Amino acid sequence: MRITERINKSRRKINGISACFCMRKQFVLQIIQFIVDFSW
């Protein structure tokens, strides 16, 4: 039981990190797009 709990916790942590990274990536892409639009 405890082993699976640990695995679930670590998996949740990884999901949170990847979700944060995806959001940050989207944010950066939006900024780049905005800069490109502003430049042109």
PDB file of N, CA and C in Angstrom:
ATOM      1  N   MET A   1       0.841  -1.209   0.000  1.00  0.00           N
ATOM      2  CA  MET A   1       0.000   0.000   0.000  1.00  0.00           C
ATOM      3  C   MET A   1       0.876   1.258   0.000  1.00  0.00           C
ATOM      4  N   ARG A   2       1.865   1.273   0.878  1.00  0.00           N
ATOM      5  CA  ARG A   2       2.686   2.485   1.003  1.00  0.00           C
ATOM      6  C   ARG A   2       3.487   2.750  -0.266  1.00  0.00           C
ATOM      7  N   ILE A   3       3.951   1.678  -0.895  1.00  0.00           N
ATOM      8  CA  ILE A   3       4.750   1.850  -2.122  1.00  0.00           C
ATOM      9  C   ILE A   3       3.898   2.517  -3.200  1.00  0.00           C
ATOM     10  N   THR A   4       2.667   2.044  -3.367  1.00  0.00           N
ATOM     11  CA  THR A   4       1.795   2.635  -4.393  1.00  0.00           C
ATOM     12  C   THR A   4       1.466   4.080  -4.042  1.00  0.00           C
ATOM     13  N   GLU A   5       1.318   4.374  -2.754  1.00  0.00           N
ATOM     14  CA  GLU A   5       1.049   5.760  -2.349  1.00  0.00           C
ATOM     15  C   GLU A   5       2.211   6.650  -2.741  1.00  0.00           C
ATOM     16  N   ARG A   6       3.423   6.163  -2.504  1.00  0.00           N
ATOM     17  CA  ARG A   6       4.608   6.946  -2.875  1.00  0.00           C
ATOM     18  C   ARG A   6       4.648   7.175  -4.373  1.00  0.00           C
ATOM     19  N   ILE A   7       4.365   6.135  -5.147  1.00  0.00           N
ATOM     20  CA  ILE A   7       4.376   6.246  -6.607  1.00  0.00           C
ATOM     21  C   ILE A   7       3.341   7.278  -7.055  1.00  0.00           C
ATOM     22  N   ASN A   8       2.151   7.222  -6.460  1.00  0.00           N
ATOM     23  CA  ASN A   8       1.103   8.180  -6.830  1.00  0.00           C
ATOM     24  C   ASN A   8       1.519   9.600  -6.499  1.00  0.00           C
ATOM     25  N   LYS A   9       2.158   9.781  -5.338  1.00  0.00           N
ATOM     26  CA  LYS A   9       2.598  11.120  -4.938  1.00  0.00           C
ATOM     27  C   LYS A   9       3.622  11.660  -5.920  1.00  0.00           C
ATOM     28  N   SER A  10       4.622  10.826  -6.245  1.00  0.00           N
ATOM     29  CA  SER A  10       5.670  11.269  -7.163  1.00  0.00           C
ATOM     30  C   SER A  10       5.082  11.537  -8.543  1.00  0.00           C
ATOM     31  N   ARG A  11       4.128  10.714  -8.956  1.00  0.00           N
ATOM     32  CA  ARG A  11       3.490  10.890 -10.267  1.00  0.00           C
ATOM     33  C   ARG A  11       2.733  12.212 -10.299  1.00  0.00           C
ATOM     34  N   ARG A  12       2.032  12.514  -9.198  1.00  0.00           N
ATOM     35  CA  ARG A  12       1.281  13.761  -9.113  1.00  0.00           C
ATOM     36  C   ARG A  12       2.241  14.951  -9.190  1.00  0.00           C
ATOM     37  N   LYS A  13       3.386  14.811  -8.511  1.00  0.00           N
ATOM     38  CA  LYS A  13       4.392  15.870  -8.509  1.00  0.00           C
ATOM     39  C   LYS A  13       4.885  16.109  -9.928  1.00  0.00           C
ATOM     40  N   ILE A  14       5.199  15.025 -10.637  1.00  0.00           N
ATOM     41  CA  ILE A  14       5.698  15.125 -12.012  1.00  0.00           C
ATOM     42  C   ILE A  14       4.641  15.772 -12.899  1.00  0.00           C
ATOM     43  N   ASN A  15       3.383  15.373 -12.738  1.00  0.00           N
ATOM     44  CA  ASN A  15       2.302  15.959 -13.539  1.00  0.00           C
ATOM     45  C   ASN A  15       2.207  17.456 -13.291  1.00  0.00           C
ATOM     46  N   GLY A  16       2.323  17.853 -12.030  1.00  0.00           N
ATOM     47  CA  GLY A  16       2.259  19.272 -11.686  1.00  0.00           C
ATOM     48  C   GLY A  16       3.382  20.048 -12.344  1.00  0.00           C
ATOM     49  N   ILE A  17       4.589  19.468 -12.305  1.00  0.00           N
ATOM     50  CA  ILE A  17       5.751  20.131 -12.901  1.00  0.00           C
ATOM     51  C   ILE A  17       5.567  20.261 -14.409  1.00  0.00           C
ATOM     52  N   SER A  18       5.136  19.183 -15.059  1.00  0.00           N
ATOM     53  CA  SER A  18       4.965  19.206 -16.512  1.00  0.00           C
ATOM     54  C   SER A  18       3.855  20.178 -16.909  1.00  0.00           C
ATOM     55  N   ALA A  19       2.791  20.243 -16.109  1.00  0.00           N
ATOM     56  CA  ALA A  19       1.699  21.173 -16.399  1.00  0.00           C
ATOM     57  C   ALA A  19       2.204  22.609 -16.286  1.00  0.00           C
ATOM     58  N   CYS A  20       2.998  22.866 -15.252  1.00  0.00           N
ATOM     59  CA  CYS A  20       3.563  24.203 -15.057  1.00  0.00           C
ATOM     60  C   CYS A  20       4.459  24.555 -16.238  1.00  0.00           C
ATOM     61  N   PHE A  21       5.261  23.581 -16.674  1.00  0.00           N
ATOM     62  CA  PHE A  21       6.175  23.809 -17.796  1.00  0.00           C
ATOM     63  C   PHE A  21       5.391  24.102 -19.069  1.00  0.00           C
ATOM     64  N   CYS A  22       4.308  23.357 -19.284  1.00  0.00           N
ATOM     65  CA  CYS A  22       3.483  23.563 -20.482  1.00  0.00           C
ATOM     66  C   CYS A  22       2.874  24.964 -20.463  1.00  0.00           C
ATOM     67  N   MET A  23       2.370  25.371 -19.299  1.00  0.00           N
ATOM     68  CA  MET A  23       1.767  26.699 -19.183  1.00  0.00           C
ATOM     69  C   MET A  23       2.811  27.778 -19.458  1.00  0.00           C
ATOM     70  N   ARG A  24       4.007  27.578 -18.907  1.00  0.00           N
ATOM     71  CA  ARG A  24       5.076  28.559 -19.095  1.00  0.00           C
ATOM     72  C   ARG A  24       5.455  28.642 -20.572  1.00  0.00           C
ATOM     73  N   LYS A  25       5.515  27.469 -21.229  1.00  0.00           N
ATOM     74  CA  LYS A  25       5.853  27.409 -22.653  1.00  0.00           C
ATOM     75  C   LYS A  25       4.812  28.179 -23.464  1.00  0.00           C
ATOM     76  N   GLN A  26       3.540  27.966 -23.144  1.00  0.00           N
ATOM     77  CA  GLN A  26       2.447  28.654 -23.839  1.00  0.00           C
ATOM     78  C   GLN A  26       2.588  30.167 -23.638  1.00  0.00           C
ATOM     79  N   PHE A  27       2.896  30.552 -22.397  1.00  0.00           N
ATOM     80  CA  PHE A  27       3.039  31.965 -22.056  1.00  0.00           C
ATOM     81  C   PHE A  27       4.170  32.593 -22.871  1.00  0.00           C
ATOM     82  N   VAL A  28       5.300  31.900 -22.942  1.00  0.00           N
ATOM     83  CA  VAL A  28       6.449  32.399 -23.700  1.00  0.00           C
ATOM     84  C   VAL A  28       6.101  32.519 -25.176  1.00  0.00           C
ATOM     85  N   LEU A  29       5.406  31.518 -25.703  1.00  0.00           N
ATOM     86  CA  LEU A  29       5.011  31.557 -27.118  1.00  0.00           C
ATOM     87  C   LEU A  29       4.100  32.753 -27.382  1.00  0.00           C
ATOM     88  N   GLN A  30       3.182  33.036 -26.454  1.00  0.00           N
ATOM     89  CA  GLN A  30       2.277  34.181 -26.623  1.00  0.00           C
ATOM     90  C   GLN A  30       3.068  35.486 -26.633  1.00  0.00           C
ATOM     91  N   ILE A  31       4.060  35.587 -25.753  1.00  0.00           N
ATOM     92  CA  ILE A  31       4.885  36.797 -25.700  1.00  0.00           C
ATOM     93  C   ILE A  31       5.639  36.965 -27.014  1.00  0.00           C
ATOM     94  N   ILE A  32       6.219  35.854 -27.508  1.00  0.00           N
ATOM     95  CA  ILE A  32       6.961  35.909 -28.774  1.00  0.00           C
ATOM     96  C   ILE A  32       6.035  36.356 -29.901  1.00  0.00           C
ATOM     97  N   GLN A  33       4.848  35.779 -29.939  1.00  0.00           N
ATOM     98  CA  GLN A  33       3.873  36.133 -30.988  1.00  0.00           C
ATOM     99  C   GLN A  33       3.522  37.620 -30.893  1.00  0.00           C
ATOM    100  N   PHE A  34       3.325  38.099 -29.662  1.00  0.00           N
ATOM    101  CA  PHE A  34       2.989  39.505 -29.453  1.00  0.00           C
ATOM    102  C   PHE A  34       4.120  40.404 -29.952  1.00  0.00           C
ATOM    103  N   ILE A  35       5.362  40.030 -29.634  1.00  0.00           N
ATOM    104  CA  ILE A  35       6.519  40.825 -30.064  1.00  0.00           C
ATOM    105  C   ILE A  35       6.605  40.835 -31.589  1.00  0.00           C
ATOM    106  N   VAL A  36       6.400  39.672 -32.192  1.00  0.00           N
ATOM    107  CA  VAL A  36       6.460  39.573 -33.660  1.00  0.00           C
ATOM    108  C   VAL A  36       5.374  40.441 -34.289  1.00  0.00           C
ATOM    109  N   ASP A  37       4.165  40.367 -33.752  1.00  0.00           N
ATOM    110  CA  ASP A  37       3.066  41.184 -34.283  1.00  0.00           C
ATOM    111  C   ASP A  37       3.386  42.671 -34.129  1.00  0.00           C
ATOM    112  N   PHE A  38       3.960  43.023 -32.982  1.00  0.00           N
ATOM    113  CA  PHE A  38       4.284  44.422 -32.712  1.00  0.00           C
ATOM    114  C   PHE A  38       5.390  44.906 -33.650  1.00  0.00           C
ATOM    115  N   SER A  39       6.362  44.035 -33.936  1.00  0.00           N
ATOM    116  CA  SER A  39       7.487  44.396 -34.799  1.00  0.00           C
ATOM    117  C   SER A  39       6.995  44.656 -36.223  1.00  0.00           C
ATOM    118  N   TRP A  40       6.110  43.793 -36.699  1.00  0.00           N
ATOM    119  CA  TRP A  40       5.616  43.953 -38.058  1.00  0.00           C
ATOM    120  C   TRP A  40       4.544  45.038 -38.082  1.00  0.00           C
TER     121      TRP A  40
END
